[in-house]
Amino acid sequence: MAVCSICGTMFDNIDGKCPECGAPAGGGGSGQSAESLFAEAMRRIKAGQVGDAKGLLSDAISKDPTKVEYHFYLGSAKYKLGDFQGAYKAYQQADKLKPNTDRIHKCLVAARQKMTEEKK
């Protein structure tokens, strides 16, 4: 059994990644810095490889959980992939790091709205 260092989800370590947020079970990110992981994630997003970017962003967060943009873009990646609950959680983390930001607030509202629509 593993516990995700990013979102706290407990899971069986079958593939080494958290099923909730995609973070590696052991903290991950190979030897790359958080900044280089984030830069690669941005390149992947621009190339339309959002799923890959999600994992890289999770890795960047495991190395530096204080960067609001890492959480924000993780939320955006999850939103694009249809994981609205995961997006909401990531946006909440961004909001904790930088409260009362209009852009983050709008994304929180959009994710919550999508979560509500899914329940119908």
N, C-alpha and C. Protein backbone atom coordinates (compact mmCIF):
# COMPACT_ATOMS: atom_id res chain seq x y z
N MET A 1 0.84 -1.17 0.00
CA MET A 1 0.00 0.00 0.00
C MET A 1 0.89 1.24 0.00
N ALA A 2 0.53 2.23 -0.82
CA ALA A 2 1.29 3.49 -0.89
C ALA A 2 0.35 4.65 -0.57
N VAL A 3 0.95 5.74 -0.15
CA VAL A 3 0.20 6.97 0.11
C VAL A 3 0.81 8.06 -0.74
N CYS A 4 -0.02 8.72 -1.51
CA CYS A 4 0.45 9.79 -2.38
C CYS A 4 0.93 10.97 -1.55
N SER A 5 2.11 11.46 -1.86
CA SER A 5 2.66 12.60 -1.13
C SER A 5 2.03 13.91 -1.58
N ILE A 6 1.28 13.89 -2.66
CA ILE A 6 0.65 15.10 -3.17
C ILE A 6 -0.78 15.25 -2.66
N CYS A 7 -1.60 14.22 -2.90
CA CYS A 7 -3.02 14.36 -2.55
C CYS A 7 -3.45 13.51 -1.36
N GLY A 8 -2.57 12.63 -0.87
CA GLY A 8 -2.87 11.83 0.31
C GLY A 8 -3.68 10.57 0.04
N THR A 9 -3.97 10.26 -1.21
CA THR A 9 -4.73 9.07 -1.56
C THR A 9 -3.93 7.81 -1.25
N MET A 10 -4.59 6.83 -0.64
CA MET A 10 -3.96 5.53 -0.41
C MET A 10 -4.30 4.62 -1.59
N PHE A 11 -3.31 3.87 -2.08
CA PHE A 11 -3.55 3.00 -3.23
C PHE A 11 -2.54 1.87 -3.25
N ASP A 12 -2.89 0.80 -3.98
CA ASP A 12 -1.95 -0.30 -4.21
C ASP A 12 -0.95 0.17 -5.24
N ASN A 13 0.29 -0.07 -5.00
CA ASN A 13 1.36 0.42 -5.85
C ASN A 13 1.57 -0.52 -7.04
N ILE A 14 0.56 -0.62 -7.90
CA ILE A 14 0.66 -1.51 -9.06
C ILE A 14 1.57 -0.93 -10.13
N ASP A 15 1.32 0.29 -10.54
CA ASP A 15 2.13 0.91 -11.59
C ASP A 15 3.02 2.03 -11.07
N GLY A 16 2.98 2.27 -9.76
CA GLY A 16 3.85 3.29 -9.18
C GLY A 16 3.33 4.70 -9.25
N LYS A 17 2.11 4.88 -9.74
CA LYS A 17 1.53 6.22 -9.84
C LYS A 17 0.22 6.28 -9.08
N CYS A 18 -0.05 7.41 -8.46
CA CYS A 18 -1.30 7.62 -7.74
C CYS A 18 -2.46 7.66 -8.75
N PRO A 19 -3.52 6.90 -8.51
CA PRO A 19 -4.65 6.90 -9.44
C PRO A 19 -5.45 8.21 -9.39
N GLU A 20 -5.30 8.96 -8.32
CA GLU A 20 -6.06 10.21 -8.16
C GLU A 20 -5.41 11.38 -8.88
N CYS A 21 -4.10 11.59 -8.65
CA CYS A 21 -3.45 12.77 -9.21
C CYS A 21 -2.31 12.45 -10.17
N GLY A 22 -1.92 11.20 -10.28
CA GLY A 22 -0.87 10.81 -11.21
C GLY A 22 0.55 10.94 -10.68
N ALA A 23 0.70 11.37 -9.43
CA ALA A 23 2.04 11.53 -8.85
C ALA A 23 2.68 10.16 -8.63
N PRO A 24 3.99 10.08 -8.77
CA PRO A 24 4.67 8.82 -8.50
C PRO A 24 4.57 8.47 -7.02
N ALA A 25 4.52 7.19 -6.72
CA ALA A 25 4.36 6.73 -5.34
C ALA A 25 5.50 7.20 -4.45
N GLY A 26 6.70 7.23 -4.95
CA GLY A 26 7.84 7.59 -4.12
C GLY A 26 8.20 9.06 -4.18
N GLY A 27 7.42 9.91 -4.77
CA GLY A 27 7.78 11.31 -4.89
C GLY A 27 8.24 11.66 -6.28
N GLY A 28 8.93 10.80 -6.95
CA GLY A 28 9.20 10.84 -8.37
C GLY A 28 9.92 12.03 -8.94
N GLY A 29 9.90 12.10 -10.28
CA GLY A 29 10.48 13.19 -11.00
C GLY A 29 11.91 12.96 -11.44
N SER A 30 12.39 11.74 -11.37
CA SER A 30 13.76 11.38 -11.72
C SER A 30 14.72 12.40 -11.12
N GLY A 31 15.77 12.78 -11.85
CA GLY A 31 16.74 13.72 -11.32
C GLY A 31 16.48 15.14 -11.76
N GLN A 32 15.38 15.38 -12.44
CA GLN A 32 15.10 16.71 -12.96
C GLN A 32 14.63 17.66 -11.86
N SER A 33 14.90 18.93 -12.06
CA SER A 33 14.42 19.94 -11.12
C SER A 33 12.93 20.19 -11.36
N ALA A 34 12.28 20.77 -10.37
CA ALA A 34 10.87 21.12 -10.51
C ALA A 34 10.66 22.06 -11.68
N GLU A 35 11.57 23.01 -11.86
CA GLU A 35 11.45 23.97 -12.95
C GLU A 35 11.54 23.30 -14.31
N SER A 36 12.46 22.35 -14.46
CA SER A 36 12.60 21.68 -15.75
C SER A 36 11.40 20.76 -16.03
N LEU A 37 10.86 20.14 -14.97
CA LEU A 37 9.66 19.32 -15.14
C LEU A 37 8.48 20.19 -15.57
N PHE A 38 8.36 21.36 -14.96
CA PHE A 38 7.28 22.29 -15.31
C PHE A 38 7.44 22.77 -16.76
N ALA A 39 8.65 23.11 -17.15
CA ALA A 39 8.90 23.57 -18.53
C ALA A 39 8.53 22.47 -19.53
N GLU A 40 8.89 21.24 -19.22
CA GLU A 40 8.55 20.12 -20.11
C GLU A 40 7.03 19.92 -20.15
N ALA A 41 6.38 20.07 -19.01
CA ALA A 41 4.92 19.95 -18.96
C ALA A 41 4.26 20.99 -19.85
N MET A 42 4.78 22.21 -19.84
CA MET A 42 4.22 23.27 -20.68
C MET A 42 4.41 22.94 -22.16
N ARG A 43 5.57 22.37 -22.50
CA ARG A 43 5.80 21.96 -23.90
C ARG A 43 4.80 20.86 -24.30
N ARG A 44 4.56 19.92 -23.39
CA ARG A 44 3.62 18.84 -23.69
C ARG A 44 2.20 19.36 -23.85
N ILE A 45 1.80 20.31 -23.02
CA ILE A 45 0.46 20.90 -23.15
C ILE A 45 0.32 21.57 -24.50
N LYS A 46 1.32 22.34 -24.90
CA LYS A 46 1.28 23.02 -26.22
C LYS A 46 1.22 22.01 -27.36
N ALA A 47 1.81 20.83 -27.15
CA ALA A 47 1.81 19.79 -28.18
C ALA A 47 0.55 18.92 -28.11
N GLY A 48 -0.35 19.24 -27.17
CA GLY A 48 -1.59 18.48 -27.05
C GLY A 48 -1.45 17.20 -26.24
N GLN A 49 -0.34 17.02 -25.56
CA GLN A 49 -0.09 15.81 -24.77
C GLN A 49 -0.40 16.09 -23.29
N VAL A 50 -1.67 16.37 -23.04
CA VAL A 50 -2.10 16.80 -21.71
C VAL A 50 -1.92 15.70 -20.66
N GLY A 51 -2.16 14.47 -21.03
CA GLY A 51 -1.98 13.36 -20.09
C GLY A 51 -0.54 13.26 -19.60
N ASP A 52 0.41 13.40 -20.52
CA ASP A 52 1.82 13.39 -20.14
C ASP A 52 2.14 14.59 -19.25
N ALA A 53 1.59 15.73 -19.61
CA ALA A 53 1.84 16.95 -18.84
C ALA A 53 1.34 16.80 -17.40
N LYS A 54 0.22 16.12 -17.23
CA LYS A 54 -0.34 15.93 -15.89
C LYS A 54 0.66 15.22 -14.98
N GLY A 55 1.27 14.17 -15.47
CA GLY A 55 2.27 13.44 -14.68
C GLY A 55 3.49 14.29 -14.38
N LEU A 56 3.95 15.06 -15.35
CA LEU A 56 5.11 15.93 -15.14
C LEU A 56 4.80 17.01 -14.11
N LEU A 57 3.59 17.55 -14.17
CA LEU A 57 3.20 18.57 -13.20
C LEU A 57 3.12 17.99 -11.79
N SER A 58 2.61 16.78 -11.68
CA SER A 58 2.58 16.10 -10.38
C SER A 58 3.99 15.90 -9.85
N ASP A 59 4.90 15.52 -10.74
CA ASP A 59 6.30 15.35 -10.35
C ASP A 59 6.90 16.67 -9.88
N ALA A 60 6.60 17.75 -10.61
CA ALA A 60 7.12 19.07 -10.22
C ALA A 60 6.60 19.47 -8.85
N ILE A 61 5.32 19.19 -8.59
CA ILE A 61 4.73 19.52 -7.29
C ILE A 61 5.38 18.71 -6.18
N SER A 62 5.71 17.46 -6.46
CA SER A 62 6.35 16.64 -5.43
C SER A 62 7.72 17.21 -5.06
N LYS A 63 8.37 17.88 -6.00
CA LYS A 63 9.67 18.49 -5.73
C LYS A 63 9.55 19.88 -5.12
N ASP A 64 8.52 20.62 -5.51
CA ASP A 64 8.32 21.98 -4.97
C ASP A 64 6.83 22.28 -4.88
N PRO A 65 6.21 21.93 -3.76
CA PRO A 65 4.77 22.13 -3.61
C PRO A 65 4.35 23.59 -3.36
N THR A 66 5.31 24.51 -3.35
CA THR A 66 5.00 25.91 -3.04
C THR A 66 4.69 26.76 -4.26
N LYS A 67 4.83 26.21 -5.45
CA LYS A 67 4.62 26.98 -6.68
C LYS A 67 3.16 26.94 -7.11
N VAL A 68 2.51 28.07 -7.04
CA VAL A 68 1.08 28.15 -7.37
C VAL A 68 0.82 27.73 -8.81
N GLU A 69 1.72 28.10 -9.73
CA GLU A 69 1.49 27.77 -11.14
C GLU A 69 1.51 26.28 -11.40
N TYR A 70 2.28 25.52 -10.63
CA TYR A 70 2.30 24.07 -10.81
C TYR A 70 0.92 23.49 -10.50
N HIS A 71 0.34 23.92 -9.39
CA HIS A 71 -1.00 23.45 -8.99
C HIS A 71 -2.06 23.93 -9.98
N PHE A 72 -1.93 25.18 -10.41
CA PHE A 72 -2.91 25.73 -11.34
C PHE A 72 -2.92 24.95 -12.65
N TYR A 73 -1.75 24.72 -13.22
CA TYR A 73 -1.70 24.01 -14.49
C TYR A 73 -2.05 22.53 -14.34
N LEU A 74 -1.77 21.94 -13.17
CA LEU A 74 -2.23 20.57 -12.92
C LEU A 74 -3.76 20.55 -12.94
N GLY A 75 -4.37 21.55 -12.31
CA GLY A 75 -5.83 21.66 -12.35
C GLY A 75 -6.34 21.80 -13.77
N SER A 76 -5.67 22.62 -14.55
CA SER A 76 -6.08 22.83 -15.94
C SER A 76 -5.95 21.55 -16.76
N ALA A 77 -4.86 20.81 -16.53
CA ALA A 77 -4.67 19.54 -17.26
C ALA A 77 -5.77 18.55 -16.88
N LYS A 78 -6.05 18.44 -15.60
CA LYS A 78 -7.10 17.52 -15.16
C LYS A 78 -8.46 17.94 -15.70
N TYR A 79 -8.72 19.22 -15.74
CA TYR A 79 -9.98 19.72 -16.28
C TYR A 79 -10.11 19.31 -17.76
N LYS A 80 -9.04 19.52 -18.52
CA LYS A 80 -9.06 19.16 -19.95
C LYS A 80 -9.26 17.66 -20.15
N LEU A 81 -8.79 16.86 -19.18
CA LEU A 81 -8.93 15.41 -19.28
C LEU A 81 -10.26 14.91 -18.71
N GLY A 82 -11.09 15.84 -18.23
CA GLY A 82 -12.41 15.46 -17.71
C GLY A 82 -12.42 15.06 -16.26
N ASP A 83 -11.31 15.24 -15.56
CA ASP A 83 -11.24 14.92 -14.12
C ASP A 83 -11.55 16.21 -13.35
N PHE A 84 -12.83 16.53 -13.26
CA PHE A 84 -13.22 17.80 -12.68
C PHE A 84 -13.01 17.84 -11.17
N GLN A 85 -13.17 16.73 -10.49
CA GLN A 85 -12.91 16.69 -9.05
C GLN A 85 -11.42 16.89 -8.78
N GLY A 86 -10.59 16.21 -9.56
CA GLY A 86 -9.14 16.39 -9.42
C GLY A 86 -8.71 17.81 -9.75
N ALA A 87 -9.35 18.38 -10.78
CA ALA A 87 -9.05 19.77 -11.14
C ALA A 87 -9.41 20.71 -9.99
N TYR A 88 -10.57 20.46 -9.41
CA TYR A 88 -11.03 21.30 -8.30
C TYR A 88 -10.03 21.24 -7.13
N LYS A 89 -9.55 20.05 -6.82
CA LYS A 89 -8.59 19.89 -5.72
C LYS A 89 -7.29 20.64 -6.03
N ALA A 90 -6.83 20.54 -7.26
CA ALA A 90 -5.59 21.23 -7.63
C ALA A 90 -5.79 22.75 -7.58
N TYR A 91 -6.93 23.22 -8.06
CA TYR A 91 -7.22 24.66 -7.99
C TYR A 91 -7.33 25.12 -6.54
N GLN A 92 -7.87 24.28 -5.67
CA GLN A 92 -7.94 24.63 -4.25
C GLN A 92 -6.54 24.82 -3.67
N GLN A 93 -5.62 23.93 -4.05
CA GLN A 93 -4.24 24.07 -3.58
C GLN A 93 -3.64 25.38 -4.09
N ALA A 94 -3.89 25.70 -5.34
CA ALA A 94 -3.39 26.96 -5.90
C ALA A 94 -3.98 28.14 -5.13
N ASP A 95 -5.27 28.04 -4.80
CA ASP A 95 -5.94 29.11 -4.07
C ASP A 95 -5.37 29.27 -2.65
N LYS A 96 -4.99 28.17 -2.04
CA LYS A 96 -4.37 28.24 -0.70
C LYS A 96 -3.04 28.98 -0.77
N LEU A 97 -2.31 28.76 -1.86
CA LEU A 97 -1.00 29.39 -2.01
C LEU A 97 -1.11 30.86 -2.40
N LYS A 98 -2.15 31.19 -3.15
CA LYS A 98 -2.34 32.57 -3.61
C LYS A 98 -3.83 32.89 -3.56
N PRO A 99 -4.35 33.20 -2.37
CA PRO A 99 -5.79 33.43 -2.19
C PRO A 99 -6.29 34.65 -2.97
N ASN A 100 -7.58 34.59 -3.27
CA ASN A 100 -8.30 35.72 -3.87
C ASN A 100 -7.76 36.13 -5.24
N THR A 101 -7.35 35.15 -6.02
CA THR A 101 -6.90 35.40 -7.39
C THR A 101 -8.07 35.13 -8.33
N ASP A 102 -8.44 36.12 -9.13
CA ASP A 102 -9.61 35.98 -10.01
C ASP A 102 -9.53 34.76 -10.92
N ARG A 103 -8.38 34.57 -11.54
CA ARG A 103 -8.22 33.45 -12.48
C ARG A 103 -8.45 32.11 -11.79
N ILE A 104 -7.86 31.95 -10.61
CA ILE A 104 -8.03 30.70 -9.86
C ILE A 104 -9.48 30.54 -9.44
N HIS A 105 -10.07 31.62 -8.97
CA HIS A 105 -11.47 31.58 -8.53
C HIS A 105 -12.39 31.16 -9.68
N LYS A 106 -12.18 31.72 -10.87
CA LYS A 106 -13.00 31.36 -12.03
C LYS A 106 -12.87 29.88 -12.38
N CYS A 107 -11.65 29.36 -12.25
CA CYS A 107 -11.43 27.94 -12.53
C CYS A 107 -12.08 27.05 -11.47
N LEU A 108 -12.03 27.47 -10.22
CA LEU A 108 -12.71 26.73 -9.15
C LEU A 108 -14.21 26.65 -9.43
N VAL A 109 -14.79 27.78 -9.82
CA VAL A 109 -16.22 27.83 -10.12
C VAL A 109 -16.55 26.91 -11.30
N ALA A 110 -15.73 26.97 -12.35
CA ALA A 110 -15.98 26.14 -13.54
C ALA A 110 -15.87 24.65 -13.20
N ALA A 111 -14.87 24.27 -12.43
CA ALA A 111 -14.71 22.86 -12.06
C ALA A 111 -15.87 22.40 -11.18
N ARG A 112 -16.27 23.23 -10.23
CA ARG A 112 -17.39 22.87 -9.36
C ARG A 112 -18.68 22.73 -10.18
N GLN A 113 -18.86 23.61 -11.15
CA GLN A 113 -20.04 23.53 -12.01
C GLN A 113 -20.06 22.22 -12.80
N LYS A 114 -18.91 21.83 -13.33
CA LYS A 114 -18.81 20.57 -14.08
C LYS A 114 -19.07 19.37 -13.16
N MET A 115 -18.58 19.44 -11.92
CA MET A 115 -18.82 18.36 -10.97
C MET A 115 -20.31 18.23 -10.69
N THR A 116 -20.98 19.37 -10.55
CA THR A 116 -22.43 19.37 -10.31
C THR A 116 -23.18 18.79 -11.50
N GLU A 117 -22.77 19.15 -12.70
CA GLU A 117 -23.40 18.63 -13.91
C GLU A 117 -23.23 17.12 -14.02
N GLU A 118 -22.08 16.61 -13.61
CA GLU A 118 -21.83 15.17 -13.67
C GLU A 118 -22.75 14.39 -12.76
N LYS A 119 -23.16 14.99 -11.66
CA LYS A 119 -24.03 14.31 -10.70
C LYS A 119 -25.46 14.18 -11.20
N LYS A 120 -25.82 14.98 -12.19
CA LYS A 120 -27.20 14.95 -12.70
C LYS A 120 -27.43 13.75 -13.58
